[in-house]
Protein backbone atom coordinates (compact mmCIF):
# COMPACT_ATOMS: atom_id res chain seq x y z
CA MET A 1 0.43 0.03 0.19
CA MET A 2 2.92 2.45 0.67
CA LYS A 3 4.42 1.61 -2.70
CA GLN A 4 0.97 3.01 -4.41
CA ILE A 5 0.72 6.19 -1.81
CA ASN A 6 4.49 7.03 -2.98
CA TRP A 7 4.05 6.77 -6.73
CA LEU A 8 0.81 8.69 -6.41
CA LEU A 9 2.50 11.43 -4.67
CA ILE A 10 5.09 11.48 -7.64
CA LEU A 11 2.45 11.95 -10.18
CA LEU A 12 1.24 14.98 -8.07
CA LEU A 13 4.01 16.46 -7.93
CA THR A 14 4.72 16.43 -11.63
CA VAL A 15 6.29 19.80 -13.16
CA THR A 16 7.17 21.01 -16.37
CA VAL A 17 9.39 24.36 -16.93
CA TYR A 18 11.05 25.65 -20.42
CA ASN A 19 11.69 29.18 -21.12
CA TYR A 20 11.63 30.91 -24.53
CA PRO A 21 13.10 32.63 -26.78
CA ASN A 22 16.84 31.24 -25.69
CA PRO A 23 19.16 32.52 -26.43
CA PHE A 24 17.31 35.72 -25.68
CA ASN A 25 18.71 39.29 -26.85
CA PRO A 26 17.91 41.62 -24.17
CA GLN A 27 19.72 44.67 -25.50
CA SER A 28 17.55 44.56 -28.09
CA GLY A 29 14.18 44.79 -26.08
CA GLN A 30 13.44 41.04 -25.75
CA THR A 31 12.66 39.41 -22.95
CA THR A 32 12.60 35.52 -22.29
CA SER A 33 9.23 34.10 -20.85
CA ILE A 34 9.81 30.96 -18.38
CA GLU A 35 6.59 28.63 -18.50
CA CYS A 36 5.84 26.35 -15.56
CA THR A 37 2.84 23.78 -15.70
CA THR A 38 2.63 21.94 -12.36
CA ASP A 39 -0.51 19.94 -10.63
CA THR A 40 -0.10 22.10 -7.59
CA THR A 41 -1.61 25.75 -6.93
CA THR A 42 1.38 27.13 -4.49
CA GLU A 43 2.95 30.72 -3.82
CA ALA A 44 6.47 30.08 -5.91
CA PHE A 45 9.72 32.38 -6.57
CA LEU A 46 11.97 32.59 -9.72
CA TYR A 47 15.87 32.99 -8.65
CA ILE A 48 18.01 33.60 -11.25
CA TYR A 49 21.70 33.51 -11.03
CA ASP A 50 25.10 34.04 -13.17
CA MET A 51 27.64 30.95 -13.79
CA SER A 52 29.85 32.15 -10.67
CA ALA A 53 26.27 31.21 -8.71
CA ARG A 54 25.81 35.05 -7.81
CA PHE A 55 22.53 36.32 -7.74
CA VAL A 56 20.78 38.53 -10.07
CA ALA A 57 17.36 38.81 -10.02
CA PHE A 58 14.44 37.63 -7.60
CA LYS A 59 10.53 37.23 -8.79
CA PRO A 60 7.37 36.47 -7.15
CA PHE A 61 6.02 33.49 -9.33
CA ASP A 62 2.11 32.05 -7.99
CA LEU A 63 1.85 28.70 -9.63
CA GLN A 64 -2.16 27.61 -10.53
CA GLY A 65 -2.22 24.14 -10.47
CA GLY A 66 -3.18 22.50 -13.79
CA ALA A 67 -2.85 25.46 -15.89
CA LYS A 68 0.40 26.79 -17.86
CA ASN A 69 1.78 29.69 -15.67
CA GLN A 70 4.13 32.33 -17.22
CA ILE A 71 6.83 34.65 -16.29
CA SER A 72 9.36 36.69 -18.22
CA TRP A 73 13.11 38.45 -17.63
CA ASP A 74 13.76 41.27 -19.19
CA GLY A 75 17.79 40.62 -18.86
CA TYR A 76 18.03 43.34 -16.30
CA SER A 77 19.61 42.88 -12.74
CA ASP A 78 17.39 43.41 -9.37
CA TYR A 79 19.96 46.80 -9.64
CA ASN A 80 18.55 47.75 -12.82
CA GLN A 81 21.85 46.64 -14.55
CA LEU A 82 21.87 44.82 -17.68
CA VAL A 83 23.69 41.41 -17.45
CA GLY A 84 26.30 40.70 -19.59
CA ASN A 85 26.51 37.83 -22.37
CA GLY A 86 26.45 34.29 -20.89
CA ILE A 87 24.20 31.47 -19.60
CA TYR A 88 22.39 32.22 -16.31
CA LEU A 89 20.65 29.71 -14.39
CA TYR A 90 16.94 29.76 -12.45
CA GLN A 91 15.08 27.91 -10.03
CA ILE A 92 11.84 28.01 -9.01
CA ILE A 93 11.28 27.71 -5.24
CA ASN A 94 7.39 27.57 -3.31
CA LYS A 95 6.78 28.83 -0.59
CA ALA A 96 7.72 25.88 1.30
CA ARG A 97 11.13 25.94 0.14
CA GLN A 98 11.39 22.43 -2.21
CA ARG A 99 12.56 23.48 -6.15
CA VAL A 100 9.67 23.20 -8.42
CA GLY A 101 11.99 23.54 -11.93
CA ARG A 102 14.81 24.86 -13.33
CA GLY A 103 17.08 25.69 -15.60
CA LYS A 104 19.24 27.79 -18.01
CA ILE A 105 18.75 31.43 -20.06
CA TRP A 106 21.78 32.03 -22.46
CA VAL A 107 22.05 35.55 -23.11
CA ILE A 108 23.41 37.57 -26.10
CA ASN A 109 23.23 40.87 -26.12
CA GLN A 110 23.99 42.03 -30.04
């Protein structure tokens, strides 16, 4: 019986996360959209870091279960500075401090 419950919990916590366009060019005004589909409704937060694991940006992100949830990033840090070329890491953390999803964003300023 316990195995059946564990599998049920895994199925209920299924999450799909991706971003597009990737790469994107924030210098030209382009944004990237991060889309997350989950089975549960929860308050969450988007964190973006550079490849040195330095904090770049933070945004609240409310997830609605059974729907496509979307948030965009304009390529600017929380200090209103355009980020440089490179790969940035993002993760979505729920209110219980559990990681919901993660990914990479490639920034090319032209």
